[in-house]
Amino acid sequence: MTYIAAFDLGTSALKGILLDREGHRANEQSIEIETKYGLNGEVEQQPEQWWQALQTILSIWKDTTPGRVEAITAVTFSGQMEDVIPLDPSGTASNAILYSDTRADQEARFIQSKKPLLSNITGNAIRSSTPLAKLLWMKKHQPPQYQSTKAFVFSAKDYLIHKLTNEIVTDPVTAATSGLMDLNERSWSEELLSDFSIDASKMPRLLEPEEEAGKITAQVSQVTGFSVETPVLCGSGDAGAATLGAGALYEGDLYLYLGTTGWAAAPTKESANKIDGVFTLSHLPEGTNISIAPLLNAGNVHQWAVHTWGDQTESPYDNFEKMAAASPAGANGVLFLPYLHGERFPVMDPEASGAFVGLNPAVQKSDFARAVVEGLCFSCCQVIESLSEKQEGMMTIIGGGTRSRVWTQTLATILNRPIRVPNESEYSTVIGAASTAFISMGWVEDYAEFTKKYIDTLGAEVFRPEQENRETYKSQYDRYLRLYPSLKETYNN
């Protein structure tokens, strides 16, 4: 029997699955990744840790499923985007500047002033998170490193592809976030490269997600157990893989992703979005794009709350769930603004911060837990309303955040629509990534067939609105929408 191996390198973990032709999982593993935060908006990871995590997963597979690593006939990936990962001539990478890093704010403003119509080419506005802004920051603040860099890649998965094959590539989903790709042509913009003096030779080669990036080298085979000459595909940025993994293939589909950060997204035929703050990315199928509204505050805030209020003597997540469930809808009047990490949409304010309001002597610890969950749900609701006029019908939610039943149930009630959570939805992105290998191997004809055979058939749990709590949440949501505008003037004062 033959297998494909698919990996998703997110902010908090590297996930890997082994799939056979029928879509059966032979094994799945997840290895946590460490993130480093600086005092001036720096957010970095060590690429070498990604490589070690990949080797750890392969070692586990070799020990638990003997012979199956050697039987892998294709390897594919998805990964976090908007990173800047410099590769020196030896192929070694210094620290990766992650998507949530905000140090390049001045450079982003410069780009906007010099090229105000840049979004006509890229489909997106420039922000401090945009790799083009980070490249200009590096040219200014770290010129020796910029000059000595052989090439840059912009997704974590592209670094792993380079380690496996020595090739330097990326995909149109990832490249659409860089600030340097012509969205309609799905190619690097010579105009933008020239305008900002970015050396074209430092750009990765652009391939479609299902195209082969290279093959496993003999040296890598000895380290990993992959057979020599096993094809490694380009794969896609995580937003593209997640969109496919959620079964969102056609215009009108909508889903929500809750990971360390999050987003709401919908396939579209439009080449640019008119809503400020919403990204337009290439989708995996050629000729389609994705409208995606980002959330900086999702699972990272939930994790903070769990470790702040959860009982550390037992399972902190289970304890937090019990606490949140013990507080009534509306958290006894406590309201939480979840902007612990600033925010990117619909509020675009890196200086925004979190807040609790409505405190009184009757408030208990459980009310804080409930308020955190509800604040995250209100934030999601605001994003979804901004992205889609359609506010009815079942919506799919994927990502690790779906493991919280209180979170998903509260969200269904606040949105007033049923929510579908696929079984093991935290693996939806990596399953979406696997589609590229199924197409490359000829196991399916296209992404539509993969979705029909391997996504739509997955079991799922459905959460339905609790109508008795609707009025409470309507009132709390109205208060929530007024909260940030009321607090905005207090930031940095």
Protein backbone atom coordinates (compact mmCIF):
# COMPACT_ATOMS: atom_id res chain seq x y z
CA MET A 1 0.00 0.00 0.00
CA THR A 2 1.18 3.51 -0.78
CA TYR A 3 0.68 6.71 1.23
CA ILE A 4 0.99 10.45 0.95
CA ALA A 5 2.35 12.53 3.82
CA ALA A 6 0.82 15.95 4.47
CA PHE A 7 2.08 18.51 7.00
CA ASP A 8 0.65 21.79 8.25
CA LEU A 9 3.09 24.13 9.97
CA GLY A 10 1.01 26.59 11.99
CA THR A 11 1.97 29.11 14.62
CA SER A 12 1.74 26.75 17.56
CA ALA A 13 2.41 23.29 16.11
CA LEU A 14 3.48 21.15 13.19
CA LYS A 15 0.76 18.61 12.35
CA GLY A 16 1.33 15.62 10.10
CA ILE A 17 -0.90 12.89 8.68
CA LEU A 18 -0.39 9.75 6.62
CA LEU A 19 -3.21 9.05 4.18
CA ASP A 20 -3.83 6.14 1.84
CA ARG A 21 -5.67 6.40 -1.48
CA GLU A 22 -9.04 5.83 0.20
CA GLY A 23 -8.43 8.76 2.54
CA HIS A 24 -7.88 6.54 5.58
CA ARG A 25 -5.43 7.94 8.13
CA ALA A 26 -2.61 5.60 8.97
CA ASN A 27 -1.15 7.99 11.54
CA GLU A 28 -1.31 11.59 12.72
CA GLN A 29 0.97 13.55 14.99
CA SER A 30 1.38 17.07 16.33
CA ILE A 31 4.54 18.71 17.72
CA GLU A 32 4.40 22.09 19.48
CA ILE A 33 6.43 25.06 18.24
CA GLU A 34 7.83 27.87 20.42
CA THR A 35 7.29 31.55 19.59
CA LYS A 36 9.50 34.39 20.84
CA TYR A 37 8.07 37.87 21.51
CA GLY A 38 10.08 41.10 21.71
CA LEU A 39 9.41 44.50 23.28
CA ASN A 40 8.98 46.36 19.97
CA GLY A 41 6.44 44.17 18.22
CA GLU A 42 8.89 41.41 17.30
CA VAL A 43 7.37 37.95 16.85
CA GLU A 44 9.83 35.27 15.74
CA GLN A 45 10.36 31.53 15.50
CA GLN A 46 13.45 29.43 14.83
CA PRO A 47 13.16 27.57 11.50
CA GLU A 48 15.51 24.90 12.79
CA GLN A 49 12.83 23.99 15.34
CA TRP A 50 10.40 23.39 12.46
CA TRP A 51 12.91 21.01 10.88
CA GLN A 52 13.43 19.19 14.17
CA ALA A 53 9.65 18.88 14.63
CA LEU A 54 9.35 17.29 11.18
CA GLN A 55 12.07 14.78 12.00
CA THR A 56 10.35 13.99 15.32
CA ILE A 57 7.07 13.19 13.57
CA LEU A 58 8.85 10.97 11.05
CA SER A 59 10.71 9.20 13.86
CA ILE A 60 7.40 8.50 15.63
CA TRP A 61 5.90 7.18 12.39
CA LYS A 62 8.86 4.87 11.83
CA ASP A 63 8.50 3.48 15.36
CA THR A 64 4.70 3.12 15.36
CA THR A 65 3.96 2.23 11.73
CA PRO A 66 7.04 0.37 10.43
CA GLY A 67 7.56 0.47 6.68
CA ARG A 68 5.03 3.21 6.00
CA VAL A 69 7.47 6.13 5.77
CA GLU A 70 9.33 4.27 3.03
CA ALA A 71 5.96 3.68 1.31
CA ILE A 72 5.22 7.41 1.06
CA THR A 73 4.96 8.34 -2.62
CA ALA A 74 4.44 12.10 -2.26
CA VAL A 75 4.97 14.77 0.39
CA THR A 76 2.99 18.01 0.59
CA PHE A 77 2.56 20.96 2.93
CA SER A 78 0.60 23.95 4.12
CA GLY A 79 2.00 26.59 6.42
CA GLN A 80 1.68 29.97 8.09
CA MET A 81 2.04 32.88 5.66
CA GLU A 82 3.34 36.47 5.69
CA ASP A 83 6.59 35.29 7.27
CA VAL A 84 9.99 36.55 6.15
CA ILE A 85 12.56 33.75 6.27
CA PRO A 86 16.05 34.68 5.01
CA LEU A 87 18.11 31.84 3.54
CA ASP A 88 21.88 32.32 3.41
CA PRO A 89 23.98 30.75 0.61
CA SER A 90 24.36 27.53 2.63
CA GLY A 91 20.56 27.23 2.99
CA THR A 92 20.59 28.06 6.69
CA ALA A 93 17.87 30.39 7.98
CA SER A 94 18.12 32.98 10.73
CA ASN A 95 15.06 33.64 12.87
CA ALA A 96 11.82 33.85 10.92
CA ILE A 97 9.88 37.11 11.24
CA LEU A 98 6.27 35.94 11.66
CA TYR A 99 3.08 37.34 10.18
CA SER A 100 1.99 38.93 13.49
CA ASP A 101 5.27 40.87 13.84
CA THR A 102 4.53 44.63 13.74
CA ARG A 103 8.01 46.17 13.71
CA ALA A 104 7.68 47.37 10.09
CA ASP A 105 4.87 49.89 10.66
CA GLN A 106 6.87 52.87 9.37
CA GLU A 107 7.90 50.94 6.26
CA ALA A 108 4.27 50.03 5.60
CA ARG A 109 3.31 53.72 5.78
CA PHE A 110 6.14 54.58 3.37
CA ILE A 111 4.93 51.97 0.87
CA GLN A 112 1.37 53.26 1.09
CA SER A 113 2.50 56.83 0.44
CA LYS A 114 4.79 55.90 -2.45
CA LYS A 115 2.37 53.47 -4.11
CA PRO A 116 -1.20 54.35 -3.04
CA LEU A 117 -2.72 52.22 -5.82
CA LEU A 118 -0.59 49.16 -5.06
CA SER A 119 -3.71 47.15 -4.21
CA ASN A 120 -4.74 47.37 -7.87
CA ILE A 121 -1.85 44.99 -8.54
CA THR A 122 -1.75 42.85 -5.40
CA GLY A 123 -5.44 42.91 -4.43
CA ASN A 124 -4.44 43.91 -0.90
CA ALA A 125 -3.42 46.92 1.14
CA ILE A 126 -0.04 47.11 2.83
CA ARG A 127 0.28 46.58 6.58
CA SER A 128 3.15 46.16 9.01
CA SER A 129 2.60 42.41 8.67
CA THR A 130 3.18 42.45 4.90
CA PRO A 131 6.48 40.82 3.89
CA LEU A 132 7.34 43.71 1.55
CA ALA A 133 7.30 46.09 4.55
CA LYS A 134 9.45 43.66 6.53
CA LEU A 135 11.94 43.40 3.66
CA LEU A 136 12.30 47.19 3.61
CA TRP A 137 12.72 47.15 7.39
CA MET A 138 15.51 44.60 7.03
CA LYS A 139 17.21 46.63 4.29
CA LYS A 140 17.22 49.64 6.61
CA HIS A 141 18.01 48.03 9.97
CA GLN A 142 19.91 44.86 9.01
CA PRO A 143 21.60 45.69 5.68
CA PRO A 144 24.42 43.10 5.97
CA GLN A 145 21.90 40.31 6.52
CA TYR A 146 19.68 41.51 3.69
CA GLN A 147 22.59 41.71 1.26
CA SER A 148 24.01 38.30 2.24
CA THR A 149 20.63 36.56 1.95
CA LYS A 150 20.50 34.27 -1.07
CA ALA A 151 16.69 34.15 -1.14
CA PHE A 152 13.63 34.85 0.98
CA VAL A 153 10.66 32.57 1.47
CA PHE A 154 7.37 33.73 2.93
CA SER A 155 5.75 30.62 4.36
CA ALA A 156 7.08 28.30 7.03
CA LYS A 157 6.34 25.29 4.82
CA ASP A 158 8.66 26.68 2.13
CA TYR A 159 11.58 26.38 4.51
CA LEU A 160 10.80 22.69 5.07
CA ILE A 161 10.52 22.16 1.32
CA HIS A 162 13.96 23.75 0.94
CA LYS A 163 15.42 21.46 3.61
CA LEU A 164 13.99 18.39 1.85
CA THR A 165 14.83 19.31 -1.76
CA ASN A 166 17.27 22.27 -1.81
CA GLU A 167 14.68 24.09 -3.94
CA ILE A 168 13.42 27.60 -3.18
CA VAL A 169 9.74 27.90 -4.08
CA THR A 170 6.42 29.26 -2.92
CA ASP A 171 2.78 29.13 -4.04
CA PRO A 172 0.31 31.83 -5.20
CA VAL A 173 -1.73 31.62 -1.98
CA THR A 174 1.34 32.54 0.07
CA ALA A 175 2.70 34.99 -2.51
CA ALA A 176 -0.61 36.90 -2.51
CA THR A 177 0.18 38.00 1.07
CA SER A 178 3.69 39.23 0.22
CA GLY A 179 2.80 42.61 -1.28
CA LEU A 180 4.81 41.70 -4.39
CA MET A 181 2.60 39.37 -6.45
CA ASP A 182 0.29 40.38 -9.28
CA LEU A 183 -2.90 38.68 -8.13
CA ASN A 184 -4.44 38.37 -11.59
CA GLU A 185 -1.29 37.01 -13.22
CA ARG A 186 -0.24 34.87 -10.22
CA SER A 187 3.35 36.02 -10.82
CA TRP A 188 5.85 38.41 -9.20
CA SER A 189 5.22 42.00 -10.19
CA GLU A 190 8.25 43.40 -12.00
CA GLU A 191 6.87 46.89 -11.40
CA LEU A 192 6.76 46.50 -7.62
CA LEU A 193 10.12 44.76 -7.41
CA SER A 194 11.63 47.67 -9.36
CA ASP A 195 9.81 50.43 -7.48
CA PHE A 196 11.06 49.19 -4.10
CA SER A 197 14.49 47.95 -5.27
CA ILE A 198 13.85 44.34 -4.30
CA ASP A 199 16.25 42.00 -6.06
CA ALA A 200 14.17 39.61 -8.18
CA SER A 201 16.85 36.93 -7.79
CA LYS A 202 16.02 36.78 -4.07
CA MET A 203 12.39 35.81 -4.77
CA PRO A 204 11.32 32.14 -4.62
CA ARG A 205 10.12 30.39 -7.76
CA LEU A 206 6.31 30.46 -8.02
CA LEU A 207 4.57 27.11 -8.51
CA GLU A 208 0.95 26.01 -8.32
CA PRO A 209 0.16 24.08 -5.10
CA GLU A 210 -0.10 20.68 -6.84
CA GLU A 211 3.16 21.12 -8.79
CA GLU A 212 6.35 19.32 -7.80
CA ALA A 213 8.90 21.53 -6.05
CA GLY A 214 11.67 18.93 -6.05
CA LYS A 215 12.62 15.47 -4.84
CA ILE A 216 13.99 14.03 -1.62
CA THR A 217 17.78 14.09 -1.77
CA ALA A 218 19.98 11.14 -0.81
CA GLN A 219 21.30 13.02 2.23
CA VAL A 220 17.79 13.88 3.43
CA SER A 221 16.65 10.31 2.86
CA GLN A 222 19.20 9.08 5.39
CA VAL A 223 17.99 11.59 7.98
CA THR A 224 14.23 11.30 7.46
CA GLY A 225 13.53 7.81 6.12
CA PHE A 226 11.80 9.17 3.00
CA SER A 227 12.80 7.23 -0.10
CA VAL A 228 15.26 8.95 -2.43
CA GLU A 229 13.54 10.80 -5.29
CA THR A 230 10.17 10.96 -3.50
CA PRO A 231 8.40 14.00 -5.00
CA VAL A 232 7.80 16.98 -2.71
CA LEU A 233 4.98 19.26 -3.82
CA CYS A 234 4.81 23.02 -3.44
CA GLY A 235 1.63 22.84 -1.35
CA SER A 236 -0.13 26.01 -0.28
CA GLY A 237 -0.32 28.70 2.36
CA ASP A 238 -2.48 27.68 5.29
CA ALA A 239 -5.45 29.86 4.31
CA GLY A 240 -5.80 28.03 1.00
CA ALA A 241 -5.50 24.58 2.57
CA ALA A 242 -7.88 25.49 5.39
CA THR A 243 -10.44 26.84 2.94
CA LEU A 244 -10.40 23.58 1.02
CA GLY A 245 -10.34 21.56 4.26
CA ALA A 246 -13.50 23.36 5.36
CA GLY A 247 -15.19 22.36 2.11
CA ALA A 248 -15.37 26.01 0.94
CA LEU A 249 -14.77 25.64 -2.78
CA TYR A 250 -17.40 27.79 -4.41
CA GLU A 251 -18.53 31.41 -4.27
CA GLY A 252 -21.06 31.78 -1.46
CA ASP A 253 -19.38 29.26 0.84
CA LEU A 254 -18.26 30.69 4.21
CA TYR A 255 -16.30 29.27 7.11
CA LEU A 256 -14.49 30.33 10.27
CA TYR A 257 -11.05 29.15 11.36
CA LEU A 258 -10.14 29.25 15.06
CA GLY A 259 -6.49 28.48 15.68
CA THR A 260 -3.86 30.43 17.61
CA THR A 261 -5.11 33.31 15.51
CA GLY A 262 -8.14 33.05 13.26
CA TRP A 263 -10.05 34.24 10.23
CA ALA A 264 -13.36 34.15 8.41
CA ALA A 265 -13.12 33.37 4.72
CA ALA A 266 -15.17 32.85 1.58
CA PRO A 267 -14.21 31.89 -2.00
CA THR A 268 -14.77 34.69 -4.50
CA LYS A 269 -14.35 35.50 -8.18
CA GLU A 270 -13.39 39.09 -7.33
CA SER A 271 -9.79 40.16 -7.88
CA ALA A 272 -9.82 42.64 -5.01
CA ASN A 273 -11.95 43.29 -1.93
CA LYS A 274 -13.32 46.76 -1.29
CA ILE A 275 -13.46 46.28 2.48
CA ASP A 276 -10.42 47.81 4.16
CA GLY A 277 -8.58 45.14 6.14
CA VAL A 278 -9.89 42.14 4.19
CA PHE A 279 -7.31 40.14 2.23
CA THR A 280 -7.84 38.75 -1.26
CA LEU A 281 -5.73 35.64 -1.75
CA SER A 282 -5.34 33.14 -4.54
CA HIS A 283 -7.30 29.93 -3.93
CA LEU A 284 -5.90 26.49 -4.74
CA PRO A 285 -8.06 26.05 -7.87
CA GLU A 286 -6.80 28.42 -10.56
CA GLY A 287 -9.20 31.20 -11.45
CA THR A 288 -10.60 31.59 -7.94
CA ASN A 289 -9.62 33.73 -4.97
CA ILE A 290 -10.43 33.87 -1.26
CA SER A 291 -11.74 36.85 0.69
CA ILE A 292 -10.28 36.47 4.15
CA ALA A 293 -10.81 38.65 7.23
CA PRO A 294 -8.11 38.05 9.86
CA LEU A 295 -8.35 37.80 13.65
CA LEU A 296 -5.19 38.26 15.69
CA ASN A 297 -7.03 37.24 18.86
CA ALA A 298 -8.50 33.74 18.96
CA GLY A 299 -6.97 30.61 20.49
CA ASN A 300 -4.05 32.62 21.88
CA VAL A 301 -6.50 34.60 24.04
CA HIS A 302 -8.41 31.47 25.02
CA GLN A 303 -5.11 29.84 26.04
CA TRP A 304 -4.17 32.93 28.10
CA ALA A 305 -7.51 32.77 29.91
CA VAL A 306 -7.19 29.02 30.52
CA HIS A 307 -3.78 29.44 32.13
CA THR A 308 -4.90 32.52 34.06
CA TRP A 309 -8.09 31.09 35.56
CA GLY A 310 -7.90 27.32 34.98
CA ASP A 311 -7.00 25.06 37.89
CA GLN A 312 -3.45 23.92 37.13
CA THR A 313 -3.74 20.89 39.46
CA GLU A 314 -5.96 19.12 36.92
CA SER A 315 -6.66 19.56 33.22
CA PRO A 316 -6.73 23.36 32.94
CA TYR A 317 -8.82 23.33 29.74
CA ASP A 318 -11.48 21.06 31.24
CA ASN A 319 -11.54 23.20 34.37
CA PHE A 320 -11.93 26.38 32.33
CA GLU A 321 -14.80 24.82 30.36
CA LYS A 322 -16.61 23.97 33.59
CA MET A 323 -16.11 27.49 34.93
CA ALA A 324 -17.38 29.15 31.75
CA ALA A 325 -20.40 26.84 31.66
CA ALA A 326 -21.23 27.66 35.29
CA SER A 327 -21.75 31.35 34.49
CA PRO A 328 -25.04 32.32 32.79
CA ALA A 329 -25.30 33.78 29.30
CA GLY A 330 -24.14 37.38 29.52
CA ALA A 331 -21.58 36.56 32.25
CA ASN A 332 -23.61 38.49 34.86
CA GLY A 333 -23.01 41.69 32.94
CA VAL A 334 -19.24 41.32 32.51
CA LEU A 335 -18.02 42.21 29.00
CA PHE A 336 -14.59 41.40 27.59
CA LEU A 337 -12.72 43.10 24.74
CA PRO A 338 -10.30 40.42 23.48
CA TYR A 339 -7.64 42.62 21.84
CA LEU A 340 -4.69 41.29 23.87
CA HIS A 341 -2.48 41.37 20.77
CA GLY A 342 -3.85 44.49 19.11
CA GLU A 343 -6.13 43.68 16.18
CA ARG A 344 -6.17 43.63 12.39
CA PHE A 345 -9.86 43.45 11.52
CA PRO A 346 -12.43 44.96 11.70
CA VAL A 347 -10.45 47.10 14.14
CA MET A 348 -7.06 47.88 12.61
CA ASP A 349 -5.11 49.05 15.63
CA PRO A 350 -1.85 47.40 16.73
CA GLU A 351 -2.01 49.46 19.94
CA ALA A 352 -5.44 48.16 20.98
CA SER A 353 -5.52 46.14 24.19
CA GLY A 354 -7.93 43.95 26.13
CA ALA A 355 -10.38 45.09 28.78
CA PHE A 356 -13.07 43.88 31.16
CA VAL A 357 -16.04 46.15 31.94
CA GLY A 358 -19.16 45.69 34.03
CA LEU A 359 -17.41 44.51 37.19
CA ASN A 360 -19.29 44.63 40.50
CA PRO A 361 -18.98 42.87 43.89
CA ALA A 362 -21.18 39.97 42.75
CA VAL A 363 -18.83 38.99 39.91
CA GLN A 364 -17.16 35.59 40.33
CA LYS A 365 -14.20 33.88 38.67
CA SER A 366 -16.56 31.89 36.45
CA ASP A 367 -17.98 35.14 35.05
CA PHE A 368 -14.51 36.17 33.86
CA ALA A 369 -14.17 32.81 32.07
CA ARG A 370 -17.59 33.19 30.45
CA ALA A 371 -16.90 36.79 29.45
CA VAL A 372 -13.67 35.77 27.67
CA VAL A 373 -15.53 33.18 25.60
CA GLU A 374 -18.33 35.60 24.78
CA GLY A 375 -15.90 38.40 23.88
CA LEU A 376 -14.13 36.10 21.42
CA CYS A 377 -17.51 35.16 19.94
CA PHE A 378 -18.57 38.80 19.58
CA SER A 379 -15.30 39.52 17.78
CA CYS A 380 -15.95 36.62 15.39
CA CYS A 381 -19.50 37.82 14.84
CA GLN A 382 -18.31 41.31 13.92
CA VAL A 383 -15.83 39.87 11.42
CA ILE A 384 -18.40 37.56 9.81
CA GLU A 385 -20.93 40.38 9.47
CA SER A 386 -18.29 42.53 7.77
CA LEU A 387 -17.36 39.79 5.32
CA SER A 388 -20.71 38.33 4.32
CA GLU A 389 -24.19 39.72 3.75
CA LYS A 390 -25.60 36.22 4.15
CA GLN A 391 -26.31 35.76 7.85
CA GLU A 392 -28.22 32.49 7.74
CA GLY A 393 -27.69 28.82 7.00
CA MET A 394 -25.20 26.38 8.43
CA MET A 395 -21.59 27.52 8.76
CA THR A 396 -18.50 25.34 9.16
CA ILE A 397 -15.92 26.07 11.84
CA ILE A 398 -12.52 24.37 11.92
CA GLY A 399 -9.33 24.61 13.96
CA GLY A 400 -8.22 23.74 17.46
CA GLY A 401 -10.64 26.23 19.02
CA THR A 402 -13.52 23.91 18.18
CA ARG A 403 -12.40 21.61 20.98
CA SER A 404 -14.12 24.05 23.35
CA ARG A 405 -17.80 23.10 23.33
CA VAL A 406 -18.69 26.22 25.32
CA TRP A 407 -17.03 28.39 22.67
CA THR A 408 -18.76 26.69 19.71
CA GLN A 409 -22.18 26.55 21.41
CA THR A 410 -21.97 30.22 22.43
CA LEU A 411 -20.94 31.18 18.92
CA ALA A 412 -23.91 29.32 17.40
CA THR A 413 -26.27 31.23 19.69
CA ILE A 414 -24.69 34.64 19.11
CA LEU A 415 -24.64 34.12 15.34
CA ASN A 416 -28.14 32.61 15.47
CA ARG A 417 -27.22 29.95 12.96
CA PRO A 418 -26.27 26.26 13.19
CA ILE A 419 -22.55 25.54 13.30
CA ARG A 420 -21.00 22.44 11.79
CA VAL A 421 -17.77 21.20 13.39
CA PRO A 422 -16.12 18.36 11.43
CA ASN A 423 -14.73 15.50 13.47
CA GLU A 424 -11.10 16.26 14.42
CA SER A 425 -11.45 19.67 12.81
CA GLU A 426 -8.03 20.70 14.10
CA TYR A 427 -6.67 18.53 11.25
CA SER A 428 -8.88 20.12 8.56
CA THR A 429 -6.06 22.32 7.25
CA VAL A 430 -3.63 19.46 6.82
CA ILE A 431 -6.34 17.37 5.11
CA GLY A 432 -6.93 20.29 2.77
CA ALA A 433 -3.19 20.35 2.09
CA ALA A 434 -3.31 16.64 1.23
CA SER A 435 -5.55 17.45 -1.75
CA THR A 436 -2.52 18.68 -3.71
CA ALA A 437 -0.87 15.26 -3.44
CA PHE A 438 -4.07 13.41 -4.39
CA ILE A 439 -4.25 15.49 -7.58
CA SER A 440 -0.53 15.12 -8.31
CA MET A 441 -0.76 11.34 -7.86
CA GLY A 442 -3.81 11.12 -10.11
CA TRP A 443 -5.96 9.78 -7.27
CA VAL A 444 -8.54 12.49 -7.98
CA GLU A 445 -9.07 14.64 -11.05
CA ASP A 446 -9.40 18.02 -9.34
CA TYR A 447 -10.14 19.84 -6.07
CA ALA A 448 -13.89 19.48 -6.56
CA GLU A 449 -13.61 15.68 -6.66
CA PHE A 450 -11.35 15.69 -3.59
CA THR A 451 -13.83 17.84 -1.67
CA LYS A 452 -16.75 15.59 -2.62
CA LYS A 453 -14.97 12.33 -1.74
CA TYR A 454 -12.86 13.27 1.27
CA ILE A 455 -14.23 16.47 2.84
CA ASP A 456 -18.01 16.33 2.47
CA THR A 457 -18.13 12.74 3.73
CA LEU A 458 -16.42 13.52 7.05
CA GLY A 459 -18.58 13.16 10.14
CA ALA A 460 -19.44 16.33 12.04
CA GLU A 461 -21.24 17.64 15.10
CA VAL A 462 -23.82 20.39 14.71
CA PHE A 463 -24.39 23.07 17.38
CA ARG A 464 -27.73 24.87 17.21
CA PRO A 465 -28.66 28.29 18.69
CA GLU A 466 -30.10 28.37 22.20
CA GLN A 467 -33.03 30.69 21.55
CA GLU A 468 -33.61 31.40 25.25
CA ASN A 469 -30.28 33.30 25.33
CA ARG A 470 -30.69 35.28 22.12
CA GLU A 471 -32.01 38.51 23.69
CA THR A 472 -29.26 38.55 26.30
CA TYR A 473 -26.62 38.23 23.61
CA LYS A 474 -28.24 40.88 21.40
CA SER A 475 -27.97 43.33 24.30
CA GLN A 476 -24.38 42.33 25.12
CA TYR A 477 -23.33 42.53 21.46
CA ASP A 478 -24.67 46.08 21.21
CA ARG A 479 -22.54 46.98 24.25
CA TYR A 480 -19.54 45.17 22.74
CA LEU A 481 -19.69 47.20 19.51
CA ARG A 482 -19.45 50.42 21.54
CA LEU A 483 -16.59 49.20 23.71
CA TYR A 484 -13.54 49.69 21.44
CA PRO A 485 -14.60 53.17 20.20
CA SER A 486 -15.08 54.22 23.82
CA LEU A 487 -11.63 52.97 24.88
CA LYS A 488 -9.64 53.92 21.79
CA GLU A 489 -8.53 57.30 23.13
CA THR A 490 -7.06 55.68 26.26
CA TYR A 491 -4.44 53.66 24.32
CA ASN A 492 -0.91 55.07 24.55
CA ASN A 493 -2.10 57.88 26.81
